[in-house]
Protein backbone atom coordinates (compact mmCIF):
# COMPACT_ATOMS: atom_id res chain seq x y z
CA MET A 1 3.04 113.38 -24.42
CA ILE A 2 -0.60 112.32 -24.29
CA GLU A 3 -2.17 111.64 -27.69
CA ASP A 4 -5.72 112.84 -28.21
CA GLU A 5 -7.99 109.93 -29.14
CA THR A 6 -10.39 112.15 -31.10
CA GLN A 7 -7.66 113.43 -33.42
CA LEU A 8 -6.53 111.52 -36.50
CA SER A 9 -2.86 110.97 -37.10
CA PRO A 10 -1.52 113.08 -40.00
CA ALA A 11 -1.21 110.03 -42.26
CA ASP A 12 -4.76 108.90 -41.49
CA GLY A 13 -6.04 112.45 -42.01
CA ILE A 14 -4.45 112.58 -45.46
CA LEU A 15 -5.94 109.19 -46.35
CA ALA A 16 -9.38 110.25 -45.09
CA ILE A 17 -9.25 113.46 -47.13
CA ASN A 18 -8.06 111.54 -50.19
CA HIS A 19 -10.86 108.97 -49.98
CA SER A 20 -13.43 111.68 -49.25
CA LEU A 21 -12.43 113.67 -52.33
CA ARG A 22 -12.40 110.52 -54.46
CA CYS A 23 -15.87 109.67 -53.15
CA PHE A 24 -17.09 113.12 -54.17
CA GLY A 25 -15.45 112.96 -57.61
CA TYR A 26 -16.76 109.52 -58.45
CA GLY A 27 -20.16 110.42 -57.01
CA LEU A 28 -20.33 113.43 -59.29
CA ALA A 29 -19.25 111.36 -62.29
CA SER A 30 -21.85 108.71 -61.43
CA LEU A 31 -24.58 111.13 -62.50
CA LEU A 32 -23.80 110.16 -66.11
CA PRO A 33 -26.59 107.76 -67.10
CA LEU A 34 -25.54 104.10 -67.39
CA ILE A 35 -21.82 104.95 -67.60
CA GLY A 36 -22.03 106.12 -64.01
CA LEU A 37 -23.17 102.76 -62.61
CA PRO A 38 -19.66 101.41 -61.92
CA LEU A 39 -18.56 104.88 -60.84
CA ALA A 40 -21.26 104.88 -58.17
CA GLY A 41 -19.83 101.61 -56.90
CA VAL A 42 -16.34 103.11 -56.71
CA SER A 43 -17.80 106.10 -54.90
CA PHE A 44 -19.35 103.83 -52.27
CA VAL A 45 -16.08 101.89 -51.86
CA ASN A 46 -14.23 105.16 -51.20
CA PHE A 47 -16.99 106.18 -48.77
CA LEU A 48 -16.55 102.98 -46.80
CA LYS A 49 -12.76 103.31 -46.79
CA ALA A 50 -12.97 106.87 -45.49
CA GLN A 51 -15.49 105.86 -42.82
CA ASP A 52 -13.22 102.99 -41.79
CA ILE A 53 -10.23 105.30 -41.41
CA VAL A 54 -12.13 107.98 -39.51
CA LYS A 55 -14.09 105.62 -37.20
CA GLY A 56 -16.32 108.37 -35.83
CA ARG A 57 -13.57 110.93 -35.38
CA TRP A 58 -13.26 114.30 -37.05
CA ASN A 59 -12.88 114.22 -40.84
CA PRO A 60 -11.73 117.52 -42.37
CA ALA A 61 -13.40 116.61 -45.68
CA ARG A 62 -16.67 115.36 -44.16
CA ALA A 63 -18.81 117.56 -46.42
CA TYR A 64 -17.20 116.08 -49.53
CA LEU A 65 -17.73 112.59 -48.17
CA MET A 66 -21.42 113.17 -47.48
CA TRP A 67 -22.04 114.87 -50.82
CA GLY A 68 -20.16 112.06 -52.58
CA SER A 69 -22.45 109.48 -51.03
CA VAL A 70 -25.55 111.53 -51.92
CA LEU A 71 -24.41 112.03 -55.52
CA GLY A 72 -23.43 108.36 -55.83
CA SER A 73 -26.87 107.31 -54.61
CA LEU A 74 -28.55 109.72 -57.00
CA GLY A 75 -26.41 108.48 -59.90
CA LEU A 76 -27.27 104.89 -59.03
CA LEU A 77 -30.97 105.76 -58.91
CA ILE A 78 -30.84 107.55 -62.28
CA SER A 79 -29.08 104.62 -63.95
CA LEU A 80 -31.46 102.07 -62.46
CA LEU A 81 -34.51 104.08 -63.56
CA ILE A 82 -33.16 104.26 -67.10
CA ILE A 83 -32.51 100.52 -67.12
CA LEU A 84 -36.04 99.87 -65.85
CA PHE A 85 -37.43 102.18 -68.53
CA PHE A 86 -35.60 100.27 -71.29
CA ILE A 87 -36.72 96.92 -69.89
CA GLY A 88 -40.31 98.20 -69.75
CA ALA A 89 -40.08 99.44 -73.33
CA TRP A 90 -38.60 96.15 -74.51
CA LEU A 91 -41.33 94.15 -72.79
CA GLN A 92 -43.94 96.64 -73.99
CA LEU A 93 -45.15 97.43 -70.49
CA LEU A 94 -45.29 101.19 -70.84
CA PRO A 95 -48.85 102.61 -71.03
CA TRP A 96 -48.33 104.84 -74.09
CA GLN A 97 -47.10 101.95 -76.25
CA TYR A 98 -50.64 100.82 -76.90
CA GLY A 99 -51.85 103.44 -79.35
CA GLN A 100 -55.31 103.70 -80.80
CA GLY A 101 -54.90 102.18 -84.20
């Protein structure tokens, strides 16, 4: 029997789906400000694991994997902007902190 090189084995397919769904779940949870920072990291780790398993072949949960990476990136951006805002407020760099007094 000739094995198709573009098809994942059943075990690899299950692992790819599992990591793709974890990527999506952690990416969605990473939208929580500041708490989501480590969750975004876990989302990216699951993204890389799924990509490593698939290696360019068909992933049945590809949409979840892509949305997980987008949500993880957005969560990371939100958390970093909040951190920058607090640092700017602490250093008194924000324009509206200098009131007319």
